[in-house]
Amino acid sequence: MGLLLSIETSTKNSSIALALEGKIIALKESKEQRPSEVLHLYIEEVFKNTKFTLQDLQAVALSKGPGSYTGLRVGTSAAKGLCFSLNIPLISLETLEVLANQAKDKSFDFVIPMLNSKRMEVFTAIFDKKENHKSATFAKVLEEKSFQEYLAKGKVLFIGDGVKKFKEICKHPNAVFQESFPSAKEMISSAQNKFTQQDFENTAYFEPYYLKDFVVK
């Protein structure tokens, strides 16, 4: 039995999912409340209407970033705390890959997830229609001609909470925009695959993927 808890707190969308053998059985999420305020409550609530308890968990999957510094720290602390107390493994997933998993329409030639950063900057990566990485995760200051090399090749879906910035300045006919937040429900399949392969993190030394250093102002 593979009972996995998935935690996504990289944005203002606090999201928790419980899945058994790769199939979701409970989901709790909200875009209105900060992860620091609701995360532990949501973890309790996903178990309420199931026959399972925390002691039945076999692993915790975490969306590791990039994203909100505070959100990532809160999610990481909760995940590591559960893993240590229950003596179960920690699985990490790239947040931009979790976001790209929302693209169910396979007619797009490329999927470019965008997480909001400061001003006109986003965290992003490039995926092709077969969900293969075409680039590493990087920070990008958006301009009118950004991503032209991909737009010239075919239809591109820009997805995430950072696409609103680009939608205002990109008028290319091949660009399609979908504003959304990463969700724990898009973590289920990848988390189960890693669990099956025993692809686990070293819980003691694991840190979120911030991409950029945090600067205190």
N, C-alpha and C. Protein backbone atom coordinates (compact mmCIF):
# COMPACT_ATOMS: atom_id res chain seq x y z
N MET A 1 0.84 -1.20 0.00
CA MET A 1 0.00 0.00 0.00
C MET A 1 0.87 1.24 0.00
N GLY A 2 0.58 2.18 -0.89
CA GLY A 2 1.31 3.43 -0.93
C GLY A 2 0.40 4.59 -0.57
N LEU A 3 0.35 4.95 0.72
CA LEU A 3 -0.45 6.08 1.17
C LEU A 3 0.47 7.27 1.32
N LEU A 4 0.27 8.28 0.46
CA LEU A 4 1.17 9.43 0.40
C LEU A 4 0.42 10.72 0.66
N LEU A 5 1.07 11.61 1.40
CA LEU A 5 0.55 12.95 1.64
C LEU A 5 1.37 13.93 0.82
N SER A 6 0.70 14.76 0.02
CA SER A 6 1.39 15.76 -0.81
C SER A 6 1.12 17.16 -0.27
N ILE A 7 2.18 17.97 -0.20
CA ILE A 7 2.11 19.32 0.36
C ILE A 7 2.60 20.32 -0.68
N GLU A 8 1.77 21.33 -0.97
CA GLU A 8 2.14 22.38 -1.93
C GLU A 8 1.89 23.73 -1.27
N THR A 9 2.96 24.47 -0.99
CA THR A 9 2.84 25.77 -0.32
C THR A 9 3.74 26.82 -0.96
N SER A 10 4.06 26.66 -2.22
CA SER A 10 5.02 27.56 -2.87
C SER A 10 4.43 28.92 -3.24
N THR A 11 3.09 29.02 -3.23
CA THR A 11 2.42 30.28 -3.54
C THR A 11 1.40 30.56 -2.45
N LYS A 12 0.47 31.46 -2.70
CA LYS A 12 -0.57 31.73 -1.70
C LYS A 12 -1.66 30.66 -1.72
N ASN A 13 -1.54 29.67 -2.59
CA ASN A 13 -2.48 28.55 -2.61
C ASN A 13 -1.98 27.46 -1.67
N SER A 14 -2.60 27.32 -0.51
CA SER A 14 -2.25 26.26 0.43
C SER A 14 -2.99 24.99 0.00
N SER A 15 -2.24 23.92 -0.29
CA SER A 15 -2.85 22.75 -0.90
C SER A 15 -2.27 21.46 -0.31
N ILE A 16 -3.18 20.57 0.13
CA ILE A 16 -2.81 19.28 0.72
C ILE A 16 -3.64 18.19 0.05
N ALA A 17 -2.97 17.10 -0.34
CA ALA A 17 -3.69 15.97 -0.97
C ALA A 17 -3.25 14.66 -0.34
N LEU A 18 -4.19 13.77 -0.17
CA LEU A 18 -3.92 12.42 0.31
C LEU A 18 -4.24 11.45 -0.81
N ALA A 19 -3.31 10.55 -1.10
CA ALA A 19 -3.50 9.63 -2.22
C ALA A 19 -3.10 8.22 -1.83
N LEU A 20 -3.82 7.25 -2.39
CA LEU A 20 -3.53 5.84 -2.16
C LEU A 20 -3.23 5.18 -3.50
N GLU A 21 -2.03 4.62 -3.61
CA GLU A 21 -1.60 3.96 -4.84
C GLU A 21 -1.77 4.85 -6.07
N GLY A 22 -1.44 6.12 -5.92
CA GLY A 22 -1.49 7.05 -7.04
C GLY A 22 -2.85 7.61 -7.36
N LYS A 23 -3.85 7.35 -6.50
CA LYS A 23 -5.20 7.87 -6.73
C LYS A 23 -5.60 8.75 -5.56
N ILE A 24 -6.02 9.97 -5.87
CA ILE A 24 -6.35 10.94 -4.84
C ILE A 24 -7.61 10.52 -4.10
N ILE A 25 -7.57 10.60 -2.77
CA ILE A 25 -8.75 10.26 -1.97
C ILE A 25 -9.23 11.45 -1.13
N ALA A 26 -8.40 12.48 -1.00
CA ALA A 26 -8.83 13.67 -0.26
C ALA A 26 -7.96 14.85 -0.66
N LEU A 27 -8.61 16.03 -0.74
CA LEU A 27 -7.91 17.26 -1.14
C LEU A 27 -8.46 18.42 -0.33
N LYS A 28 -7.57 19.26 0.16
CA LYS A 28 -7.97 20.48 0.86
C LYS A 28 -7.06 21.60 0.41
N GLU A 29 -7.64 22.69 -0.09
CA GLU A 29 -6.81 23.81 -0.54
C GLU A 29 -7.59 25.11 -0.50
N SER A 30 -6.86 26.21 -0.45
CA SER A 30 -7.47 27.53 -0.42
C SER A 30 -6.48 28.56 -0.93
N LYS A 31 -6.97 29.53 -1.68
CA LYS A 31 -6.14 30.62 -2.17
C LYS A 31 -6.27 31.85 -1.27
N GLU A 32 -7.05 31.74 -0.21
CA GLU A 32 -7.37 32.90 0.61
C GLU A 32 -6.57 32.96 1.90
N GLN A 33 -6.00 31.84 2.34
CA GLN A 33 -5.32 31.81 3.63
C GLN A 33 -3.86 31.37 3.47
N ARG A 34 -2.98 31.98 4.25
CA ARG A 34 -1.56 31.68 4.16
C ARG A 34 -1.26 30.28 4.69
N PRO A 35 -0.26 29.62 4.09
CA PRO A 35 0.11 28.28 4.57
C PRO A 35 0.41 28.24 6.06
N SER A 36 1.05 29.28 6.58
CA SER A 36 1.41 29.30 8.00
C SER A 36 0.18 29.29 8.90
N GLU A 37 -0.98 29.72 8.36
CA GLU A 37 -2.20 29.79 9.15
C GLU A 37 -3.03 28.52 9.09
N VAL A 38 -2.93 27.77 8.00
CA VAL A 38 -3.89 26.67 7.80
C VAL A 38 -3.26 25.31 7.53
N LEU A 39 -1.96 25.24 7.31
CA LEU A 39 -1.35 24.00 6.82
C LEU A 39 -1.63 22.81 7.73
N HIS A 40 -1.36 22.94 9.01
CA HIS A 40 -1.55 21.80 9.91
C HIS A 40 -3.03 21.43 10.06
N LEU A 41 -3.90 22.43 10.01
CA LEU A 41 -5.33 22.17 10.04
C LEU A 41 -5.76 21.38 8.80
N TYR A 42 -5.24 21.77 7.64
CA TYR A 42 -5.58 21.06 6.40
C TYR A 42 -5.06 19.62 6.41
N ILE A 43 -3.89 19.41 6.99
CA ILE A 43 -3.36 18.05 7.08
C ILE A 43 -4.31 17.17 7.90
N GLU A 44 -4.83 17.72 8.99
CA GLU A 44 -5.78 16.98 9.81
C GLU A 44 -7.07 16.70 9.04
N GLU A 45 -7.53 17.70 8.28
CA GLU A 45 -8.82 17.59 7.61
C GLU A 45 -8.84 16.57 6.48
N VAL A 46 -7.71 16.36 5.79
CA VAL A 46 -7.74 15.40 4.68
C VAL A 46 -7.91 13.96 5.18
N PHE A 47 -7.66 13.74 6.45
CA PHE A 47 -7.84 12.40 7.01
C PHE A 47 -9.25 12.18 7.56
N LYS A 48 -10.01 13.24 7.78
CA LYS A 48 -11.26 13.16 8.52
C LYS A 48 -12.26 12.15 7.96
N ASN A 49 -12.47 12.17 6.67
CA ASN A 49 -13.49 11.31 6.07
C ASN A 49 -12.90 10.07 5.41
N THR A 50 -11.75 9.66 5.89
CA THR A 50 -11.13 8.43 5.38
C THR A 50 -10.95 7.45 6.55
N LYS A 51 -10.56 6.26 6.22
CA LYS A 51 -10.31 5.25 7.26
C LYS A 51 -8.87 5.29 7.76
N PHE A 52 -8.09 6.26 7.25
CA PHE A 52 -6.67 6.31 7.56
C PHE A 52 -6.35 7.35 8.62
N THR A 53 -5.18 7.19 9.24
CA THR A 53 -4.64 8.16 10.18
C THR A 53 -3.23 8.51 9.75
N LEU A 54 -2.64 9.48 10.41
CA LEU A 54 -1.26 9.86 10.11
C LEU A 54 -0.30 8.68 10.20
N GLN A 55 -0.58 7.78 11.13
CA GLN A 55 0.31 6.63 11.34
C GLN A 55 0.30 5.66 10.15
N ASP A 56 -0.67 5.79 9.26
CA ASP A 56 -0.74 4.93 8.08
C ASP A 56 0.10 5.47 6.92
N LEU A 57 0.56 6.71 7.02
CA LEU A 57 1.33 7.31 5.93
C LEU A 57 2.62 6.52 5.68
N GLN A 58 2.98 6.44 4.39
CA GLN A 58 4.21 5.77 4.02
C GLN A 58 5.26 6.73 3.45
N ALA A 59 4.84 7.94 3.11
CA ALA A 59 5.79 8.96 2.64
C ALA A 59 5.07 10.30 2.57
N VAL A 60 5.87 11.36 2.58
CA VAL A 60 5.36 12.72 2.38
C VAL A 60 6.05 13.29 1.15
N ALA A 61 5.24 13.85 0.24
CA ALA A 61 5.77 14.50 -0.96
C ALA A 61 5.64 16.01 -0.81
N LEU A 62 6.68 16.72 -1.18
CA LEU A 62 6.73 18.17 -1.01
C LEU A 62 7.06 18.85 -2.32
N SER A 63 6.30 19.90 -2.65
CA SER A 63 6.64 20.76 -3.77
C SER A 63 7.76 21.69 -3.29
N LYS A 64 8.97 21.52 -3.84
CA LYS A 64 10.17 22.08 -3.22
C LYS A 64 10.55 23.49 -3.66
N GLY A 65 9.84 24.05 -4.65
CA GLY A 65 10.19 25.39 -5.11
C GLY A 65 10.68 25.37 -6.55
N PRO A 66 10.94 26.60 -7.06
CA PRO A 66 10.98 27.89 -6.38
C PRO A 66 9.58 28.41 -6.06
N GLY A 67 9.56 29.54 -5.36
CA GLY A 67 8.29 30.13 -4.97
C GLY A 67 8.48 31.07 -3.80
N SER A 68 7.43 31.22 -3.01
CA SER A 68 7.44 32.08 -1.83
C SER A 68 8.42 31.53 -0.79
N TYR A 69 9.32 32.37 -0.33
CA TYR A 69 10.28 31.94 0.70
C TYR A 69 9.55 31.43 1.94
N THR A 70 8.58 32.22 2.41
CA THR A 70 7.86 31.85 3.63
C THR A 70 7.06 30.57 3.41
N GLY A 71 6.35 30.50 2.30
CA GLY A 71 5.55 29.31 2.01
C GLY A 71 6.39 28.05 1.93
N LEU A 72 7.53 28.15 1.25
CA LEU A 72 8.41 26.99 1.11
C LEU A 72 8.97 26.56 2.46
N ARG A 73 9.31 27.52 3.31
CA ARG A 73 9.83 27.17 4.63
C ARG A 73 8.76 26.48 5.47
N VAL A 74 7.54 26.99 5.41
CA VAL A 74 6.45 26.40 6.19
C VAL A 74 6.17 24.97 5.72
N GLY A 75 6.09 24.79 4.41
CA GLY A 75 5.83 23.46 3.87
C GLY A 75 6.94 22.48 4.19
N THR A 76 8.19 22.95 4.07
CA THR A 76 9.33 22.08 4.36
C THR A 76 9.37 21.68 5.83
N SER A 77 9.11 22.61 6.71
CA SER A 77 9.12 22.31 8.15
C SER A 77 8.06 21.27 8.49
N ALA A 78 6.87 21.43 7.91
CA ALA A 78 5.79 20.47 8.18
C ALA A 78 6.14 19.10 7.64
N ALA A 79 6.65 19.05 6.41
CA ALA A 79 6.98 17.77 5.78
C ALA A 79 8.07 17.04 6.55
N LYS A 80 9.13 17.77 6.90
CA LYS A 80 10.24 17.14 7.62
C LYS A 80 9.80 16.69 9.01
N GLY A 81 8.95 17.49 9.65
CA GLY A 81 8.45 17.11 10.96
C GLY A 81 7.67 15.81 10.92
N LEU A 82 6.82 15.66 9.91
CA LEU A 82 6.05 14.42 9.75
C LEU A 82 6.97 13.23 9.47
N CYS A 83 7.93 13.45 8.59
CA CYS A 83 8.83 12.36 8.21
C CYS A 83 9.66 11.88 9.40
N PHE A 84 10.16 12.81 10.19
CA PHE A 84 10.95 12.43 11.37
C PHE A 84 10.09 11.72 12.42
N SER A 85 8.91 12.29 12.68
CA SER A 85 8.08 11.73 13.76
C SER A 85 7.49 10.37 13.39
N LEU A 86 7.22 10.14 12.10
CA LEU A 86 6.62 8.89 11.67
C LEU A 86 7.65 7.92 11.10
N ASN A 87 8.90 8.39 10.98
CA ASN A 87 9.98 7.58 10.42
C ASN A 87 9.65 7.08 9.02
N ILE A 88 9.25 8.03 8.17
CA ILE A 88 8.91 7.72 6.78
C ILE A 88 9.73 8.61 5.85
N PRO A 89 9.86 8.25 4.58
CA PRO A 89 10.71 9.03 3.66
C PRO A 89 10.07 10.31 3.15
N LEU A 90 10.93 11.21 2.70
CA LEU A 90 10.53 12.48 2.11
C LEU A 90 10.79 12.44 0.61
N ILE A 91 9.79 12.85 -0.17
CA ILE A 91 9.89 12.93 -1.62
C ILE A 91 9.78 14.41 -2.01
N SER A 92 10.62 14.89 -2.90
CA SER A 92 10.50 16.27 -3.36
C SER A 92 10.22 16.32 -4.86
N LEU A 93 9.42 17.29 -5.25
CA LEU A 93 9.05 17.50 -6.65
C LEU A 93 9.29 18.96 -7.02
N GLU A 94 9.70 19.20 -8.25
CA GLU A 94 9.92 20.56 -8.72
C GLU A 94 8.57 21.26 -8.89
N THR A 95 8.44 22.44 -8.31
CA THR A 95 7.17 23.16 -8.34
C THR A 95 6.73 23.51 -9.76
N LEU A 96 7.66 23.90 -10.61
CA LEU A 96 7.29 24.25 -11.99
C LEU A 96 6.80 23.03 -12.76
N GLU A 97 7.32 21.86 -12.43
CA GLU A 97 6.83 20.63 -13.06
C GLU A 97 5.42 20.32 -12.57
N VAL A 98 5.17 20.53 -11.28
CA VAL A 98 3.83 20.36 -10.72
C VAL A 98 2.85 21.28 -11.43
N LEU A 99 3.25 22.52 -11.65
CA LEU A 99 2.40 23.48 -12.34
C LEU A 99 2.17 23.08 -13.80
N ALA A 100 3.21 22.63 -14.47
CA ALA A 100 3.08 22.21 -15.87
C ALA A 100 2.16 21.01 -16.02
N ASN A 101 2.02 20.20 -14.97
CA ASN A 101 1.15 19.03 -15.02
C ASN A 101 -0.32 19.39 -15.18
N GLN A 102 -0.66 20.66 -14.98
CA GLN A 102 -2.05 21.10 -15.16
C GLN A 102 -2.43 21.18 -16.64
N ALA A 103 -1.46 21.15 -17.51
CA ALA A 103 -1.72 21.26 -18.95
C ALA A 103 -2.23 19.92 -19.48
N LYS A 104 -3.54 19.76 -19.52
CA LYS A 104 -4.13 18.51 -19.96
C LYS A 104 -4.29 18.45 -21.48
N ASP A 105 -4.32 19.61 -22.12
CA ASP A 105 -4.45 19.69 -23.58
C ASP A 105 -3.08 19.43 -24.20
N LYS A 106 -2.92 18.29 -24.85
CA LYS A 106 -1.63 17.90 -25.42
C LYS A 106 -1.39 18.46 -26.83
N SER A 107 -2.25 19.37 -27.25
CA SER A 107 -2.06 19.97 -28.57
C SER A 107 -0.99 21.07 -28.56
N PHE A 108 -0.60 21.51 -27.38
CA PHE A 108 0.43 22.55 -27.29
C PHE A 108 1.80 21.96 -27.60
N ASP A 109 2.59 22.72 -28.34
CA ASP A 109 3.95 22.28 -28.66
C ASP A 109 4.89 22.48 -27.47
N PHE A 110 4.62 23.51 -26.68
CA PHE A 110 5.42 23.77 -25.48
C PHE A 110 4.51 24.24 -24.34
N VAL A 111 4.91 23.91 -23.13
CA VAL A 111 4.23 24.41 -21.93
C VAL A 111 5.28 25.16 -21.12
N ILE A 112 4.98 26.42 -20.78
CA ILE A 112 5.93 27.25 -20.03
C ILE A 112 5.24 27.72 -18.75
N PRO A 113 5.50 27.04 -17.63
CA PRO A 113 4.93 27.48 -16.36
C PRO A 113 5.64 28.72 -15.85
N MET A 114 4.90 29.59 -15.19
CA MET A 114 5.48 30.83 -14.66
C MET A 114 5.00 31.06 -13.24
N LEU A 115 5.94 31.16 -12.31
CA LEU A 115 5.63 31.52 -10.94
C LEU A 115 6.02 32.98 -10.71
N ASN A 116 5.14 33.72 -10.09
CA ASN A 116 5.35 35.14 -9.89
C ASN A 116 6.55 35.43 -8.99
N SER A 117 7.37 36.39 -9.39
CA SER A 117 8.46 36.89 -8.56
C SER A 117 8.25 38.39 -8.43
N LYS A 118 9.29 39.17 -8.35
CA LYS A 118 9.14 40.60 -8.17
C LYS A 118 9.01 41.33 -9.50
N ARG A 119 8.33 42.43 -9.51
CA ARG A 119 8.15 43.29 -10.67
C ARG A 119 7.81 42.47 -11.91
N MET A 120 8.61 42.55 -12.98
CA MET A 120 8.32 41.82 -14.22
C MET A 120 9.06 40.48 -14.29
N GLU A 121 9.56 40.02 -13.17
CA GLU A 121 10.32 38.77 -13.14
C GLU A 121 9.41 37.59 -12.78
N VAL A 122 9.72 36.44 -13.39
CA VAL A 122 9.04 35.19 -13.05
C VAL A 122 10.08 34.08 -12.92
N PHE A 123 9.71 33.02 -12.22
CA PHE A 123 10.48 31.78 -12.23
C PHE A 123 9.83 30.88 -13.28
N THR A 124 10.63 30.30 -14.15
CA THR A 124 10.05 29.57 -15.27
C THR A 124 10.94 28.42 -15.73
N ALA A 125 10.40 27.61 -16.62
CA ALA A 125 11.13 26.51 -17.26
C ALA A 125 10.35 26.16 -18.52
N ILE A 126 10.96 25.37 -19.40
CA ILE A 126 10.33 25.01 -20.67
C ILE A 126 10.09 23.50 -20.71
N PHE A 127 8.88 23.11 -21.09
CA PHE A 127 8.54 21.69 -21.28
C PHE A 127 7.96 21.51 -22.68
N ASP A 128 8.25 20.37 -23.32
CA ASP A 128 7.63 20.10 -24.61
C ASP A 128 6.34 19.32 -24.41
N LYS A 129 5.67 18.95 -25.51
CA LYS A 129 4.36 18.31 -25.43
C LYS A 129 4.42 16.92 -24.79
N LYS A 130 5.62 16.35 -24.72
CA LYS A 130 5.78 15.04 -24.08
C LYS A 130 6.23 15.17 -22.63
N GLU A 131 6.14 16.40 -22.10
CA GLU A 131 6.47 16.70 -20.71
C GLU A 131 7.96 16.59 -20.41
N ASN A 132 8.78 16.65 -21.45
CA ASN A 132 10.23 16.63 -21.27
C ASN A 132 10.74 18.03 -20.97
N HIS A 133 11.70 18.13 -20.06
CA HIS A 133 12.35 19.42 -19.78
C HIS A 133 13.14 19.86 -21.01
N LYS A 134 12.91 21.08 -21.44
CA LYS A 134 13.72 21.68 -22.51
C LYS A 134 14.67 22.74 -21.95
N SER A 135 14.56 23.00 -20.66
CA SER A 135 15.46 23.95 -20.00
C SER A 135 15.45 23.67 -18.51
N ALA A 136 16.48 24.15 -17.83
CA ALA A 136 16.48 24.12 -16.38
C ALA A 136 15.60 25.26 -15.88
N THR A 137 15.26 25.23 -14.61
CA THR A 137 14.51 26.33 -14.00
C THR A 137 15.38 27.59 -13.98
N PHE A 138 14.79 28.72 -14.33
CA PHE A 138 15.55 29.97 -14.33
C PHE A 138 14.64 31.15 -14.02
N ALA A 139 15.24 32.26 -13.60
CA ALA A 139 14.51 33.50 -13.38
C ALA A 139 14.57 34.33 -14.66
N LYS A 140 13.43 34.92 -15.04
CA LYS A 140 13.34 35.64 -16.31
C LYS A 140 12.62 36.97 -16.11
N VAL A 141 13.25 38.05 -16.53
CA VAL A 141 12.59 39.35 -16.57
C VAL A 141 11.86 39.43 -17.90
N LEU A 142 10.55 39.54 -17.85
CA LEU A 142 9.73 39.46 -19.06
C LEU A 142 9.81 40.72 -19.90
N GLU A 143 9.91 40.49 -21.21
CA GLU A 143 9.86 41.56 -22.20
C GLU A 143 8.91 41.13 -23.32
N GLU A 144 8.56 42.06 -24.17
CA GLU A 144 7.60 41.77 -25.24
C GLU A 144 8.05 40.61 -26.12
N LYS A 145 9.35 40.49 -26.35
CA LYS A 145 9.87 39.46 -27.26
C LYS A 145 10.36 38.20 -26.53
N SER A 146 10.06 38.07 -25.27
CA SER A 146 10.48 36.88 -24.53
C SER A 146 9.86 35.62 -25.12
N PHE A 147 10.63 34.53 -25.15
CA PHE A 147 10.20 33.20 -25.59
C PHE A 147 9.83 33.13 -27.07
N GLN A 148 10.36 34.07 -27.86
CA GLN A 148 10.04 34.10 -29.29
C GLN A 148 10.51 32.84 -30.01
N GLU A 149 11.63 32.24 -29.56
CA GLU A 149 12.14 31.05 -30.23
C GLU A 149 11.17 29.88 -30.12
N TYR A 150 10.38 29.85 -29.05
CA TYR A 150 9.39 28.78 -28.88
C TYR A 150 8.07 29.13 -29.57
N LEU A 151 7.67 30.38 -29.47
CA LEU A 151 6.45 30.83 -30.13
C LEU A 151 6.55 30.70 -31.64
N ALA A 152 7.76 30.83 -32.17
CA ALA A 152 7.95 30.70 -33.62
C ALA A 152 7.80 29.26 -34.09
N LYS A 153 7.93 28.32 -33.16
CA LYS A 153 7.88 26.90 -33.53
C LYS A 153 6.49 26.28 -33.40
N GLY A 154 5.59 26.93 -32.67
CA GLY A 154 4.26 26.35 -32.51
C GLY A 154 3.48 26.97 -31.37
N LYS A 155 2.41 26.30 -31.00
CA LYS A 155 1.49 26.78 -29.99
C LYS A 155 2.11 26.60 -28.60
N VAL A 156 2.06 27.67 -27.78
CA VAL A 156 2.69 27.65 -26.47
C VAL A 156 1.66 28.01 -25.39
N LEU A 157 1.57 27.16 -24.35
CA LEU A 157 0.73 27.46 -23.21
C LEU A 157 1.59 28.04 -22.09
N PHE A 158 1.28 29.26 -21.69
CA PHE A 158 1.91 29.89 -20.53
C PHE A 158 0.94 29.73 -19.36
N ILE A 159 1.40 29.09 -18.28
CA ILE A 159 0.50 28.72 -17.20
C ILE A 159 1.10 29.08 -15.84
N GLY A 160 0.27 29.60 -14.94
CA GLY A 160 0.74 29.92 -13.60
C GLY A 160 0.25 31.26 -13.10
N ASP A 161 0.71 31.65 -11.92
CA ASP A 161 0.28 32.93 -11.36
C ASP A 161 1.13 34.09 -11.86
N GLY A 162 2.14 33.80 -12.70
CA GLY A 162 2.96 34.85 -13.27
C GLY A 162 2.59 35.23 -14.69
N VAL A 163 1.63 34.52 -15.29
CA VAL A 163 1.34 34.76 -16.71
C VAL A 163 0.61 36.07 -16.97
N LYS A 164 -0.05 36.61 -15.95
CA LYS A 164 -0.78 37.87 -16.14
C LYS A 164 0.16 38.97 -16.62
N LYS A 165 1.38 38.99 -16.09
CA LYS A 165 2.38 39.98 -16.51
C LYS A 165 2.69 39.86 -18.00
N PHE A 166 2.87 38.61 -18.43
CA PHE A 166 3.28 38.40 -19.82
C PHE A 166 2.11 38.60 -20.78
N LYS A 167 0.92 38.27 -20.35
CA LYS A 167 -0.26 38.44 -21.18
C LYS A 167 -0.46 39.90 -21.59
N GLU A 168 -0.05 40.80 -20.72
CA GLU A 168 -0.23 42.22 -20.99
C GLU A 168 0.71 42.75 -22.07
N ILE A 169 1.83 42.06 -22.30
CA ILE A 169 2.82 42.58 -23.25
C ILE A 169 3.08 41.66 -24.44
N CYS A 170 2.64 40.40 -24.36
CA CYS A 170 2.87 39.45 -25.45
C CYS A 170 1.60 39.31 -26.29
N LYS A 171 1.68 39.64 -27.55
CA LYS A 171 0.52 39.57 -28.44
C LYS A 171 0.71 38.55 -29.56
N HIS A 172 1.63 37.62 -29.36
CA HIS A 172 1.91 36.62 -30.39
C HIS A 172 0.71 35.69 -30.54
N PRO A 173 0.29 35.38 -31.78
CA PRO A 173 -0.90 34.53 -31.99
C PRO A 173 -0.75 33.10 -31.49
N ASN A 174 0.46 32.63 -31.28
CA ASN A 174 0.67 31.27 -30.79
C ASN A 174 0.67 31.16 -29.27
N ALA A 175 0.52 32.30 -28.59
CA ALA A 175 0.55 32.30 -27.13
C ALA A 175 -0.84 32.13 -26.54
N VAL A 176 -0.97 31.18 -25.61
CA VAL A 176 -2.21 30.95 -24.86
C VAL A 176 -1.87 31.09 -23.38
N PHE A 177 -2.75 31.75 -22.62
CA PHE A 177 -2.45 32.04 -21.22
C PHE A 177 -3.48 31.41 -20.30
N GLN A 178 -3.00 30.80 -19.23
CA GLN A 178 -3.88 30.19 -18.22
C GLN A 178 -3.38 30.57 -16.83
N GLU A 179 -4.11 31.44 -16.17
CA GLU A 179 -3.73 31.86 -14.83
C GLU A 179 -4.15 30.79 -13.82
N SER A 180 -3.21 30.31 -13.02
CA SER A 180 -3.51 29.27 -12.04
C SER A 180 -2.39 29.19 -11.02
N PHE A 181 -2.60 28.36 -10.02
CA PHE A 181 -1.61 28.12 -8.98
C PHE A 181 -1.26 26.63 -8.95
N PRO A 182 -0.04 26.28 -8.57
CA PRO A 182 0.27 24.87 -8.41
C PRO A 182 -0.60 24.25 -7.32
N SER A 183 -0.96 22.99 -7.52
CA SER A 183 -1.85 22.31 -6.58
C SER A 183 -1.30 20.93 -6.23
N ALA A 184 -1.58 20.48 -5.03
CA ALA A 184 -1.12 19.16 -4.59
C ALA A 184 -1.73 18.03 -5.43
N LYS A 185 -2.88 18.28 -6.05
CA LYS A 185 -3.49 17.21 -6.84
C LYS A 185 -2.69 16.87 -8.09
N GLU A 186 -1.86 17.82 -8.55
CA GLU A 186 -0.98 17.53 -9.69
C GLU A 186 0.35 16.90 -9.25
N MET A 187 0.50 16.62 -7.98
CA MET A 187 1.72 15.99 -7.48
C MET A 187 1.58 14.47 -7.39
N ILE A 188 0.36 13.97 -7.44
CA ILE A 188 0.07 12.58 -7.09
C ILE A 188 0.85 11.57 -7.93
N SER A 189 0.76 11.69 -9.24
CA SER A 189 1.38 10.70 -10.13
C SER A 189 2.90 10.68 -9.98
N SER A 190 3.51 11.86 -10.00
CA SER A 190 4.97 11.94 -9.88
C SER A 190 5.44 11.45 -8.53
N ALA A 191 4.69 11.77 -7.48
CA ALA A 191 5.07 11.33 -6.14
C ALA A 191 5.00 9.81 -6.03
N GLN A 192 3.97 9.22 -6.61
CA GLN A 192 3.84 7.77 -6.57
C GLN A 192 4.97 7.09 -7.34
N ASN A 193 5.34 7.67 -8.47
CA ASN A 193 6.46 7.12 -9.26
C ASN A 193 7.76 7.14 -8.45
N LYS A 194 8.01 8.26 -7.79
CA LYS A 194 9.23 8.35 -6.98
C LYS A 194 9.18 7.40 -5.79
N PHE A 195 8.00 7.23 -5.23
CA PHE A 195 7.85 6.30 -4.11
C PHE A 195 8.16 4.87 -4.56
N THR A 196 7.63 4.50 -5.71
CA THR A 196 7.87 3.16 -6.25
C THR A 196 9.35 2.93 -6.52
N GLN A 197 10.02 3.97 -7.02
CA GLN A 197 11.45 3.88 -7.34
C GLN A 197 12.34 4.12 -6.12
N GLN A 198 11.72 4.41 -4.98
CA GLN A 198 12.44 4.73 -3.74
C GLN A 198 13.43 5.89 -3.96
N ASP A 199 12.94 6.89 -4.67
CA ASP A 199 13.72 8.09 -4.94
C ASP A 199 13.42 9.11 -3.85
N PHE A 200 14.15 9.02 -2.74
CA PHE A 200 13.87 9.80 -1.56
C PHE A 200 14.96 10.83 -1.28
N GLU A 201 14.58 11.86 -0.52
CA GLU A 201 15.54 12.87 -0.08
C GLU A 201 16.19 12.45 1.25
N ASN A 202 17.33 13.05 1.54
CA ASN A 202 17.91 12.94 2.87
C ASN A 202 17.18 13.97 3.74
N THR A 203 16.26 13.51 4.55
CA THR A 203 15.37 14.41 5.28
C THR A 203 16.14 15.41 6.14
N ALA A 204 17.18 14.97 6.78
CA ALA A 204 17.93 15.84 7.69
C ALA A 204 18.56 17.03 6.97
N TYR A 205 19.01 16.82 5.74
CA TYR A 205 19.76 17.85 5.03
C TYR A 205 18.95 18.54 3.92
N PHE A 206 17.72 18.12 3.73
CA PHE A 206 16.92 18.70 2.65
C PHE A 206 16.60 20.17 2.91
N GLU A 207 16.71 20.98 1.85
CA GLU A 207 16.33 22.39 1.89
C GLU A 207 15.48 22.71 0.67
N PRO A 208 14.56 23.67 0.79
CA PRO A 208 13.76 24.07 -0.38
C PRO A 208 14.65 24.64 -1.48
N TYR A 209 14.12 24.64 -2.70
CA TYR A 209 14.84 25.20 -3.84
C TYR A 209 14.37 26.64 -4.05
N TYR A 210 15.14 27.59 -3.53
CA TYR A 210 14.73 28.99 -3.62
C TYR A 210 15.05 29.61 -4.97
N LEU A 211 16.04 29.10 -5.67
CA LEU A 211 16.56 29.61 -6.94
C LEU A 211 17.35 30.90 -6.76
N LYS A 212 16.78 31.85 -6.01
CA LYS A 212 17.48 33.11 -5.73
C LYS A 212 17.62 33.28 -4.23
N ASP A 213 18.71 33.90 -3.81
CA ASP A 213 18.94 34.13 -2.40
C ASP A 213 17.91 35.10 -1.84
N PHE A 214 17.52 34.83 -0.60
CA PHE A 214 16.59 35.71 0.10
C PHE A 214 17.34 36.93 0.60
N VAL A 215 16.79 38.11 0.32
CA VAL A 215 17.43 39.35 0.76
C VAL A 215 16.49 40.05 1.74
N VAL A 216 16.97 40.32 2.95
CA VAL A 216 16.18 41.01 3.94
C VAL A 216 16.30 42.51 3.70
N LYS A 217 15.15 43.18 3.58
CA LYS A 217 15.17 44.63 3.34
C LYS A 217 14.85 45.38 4.62
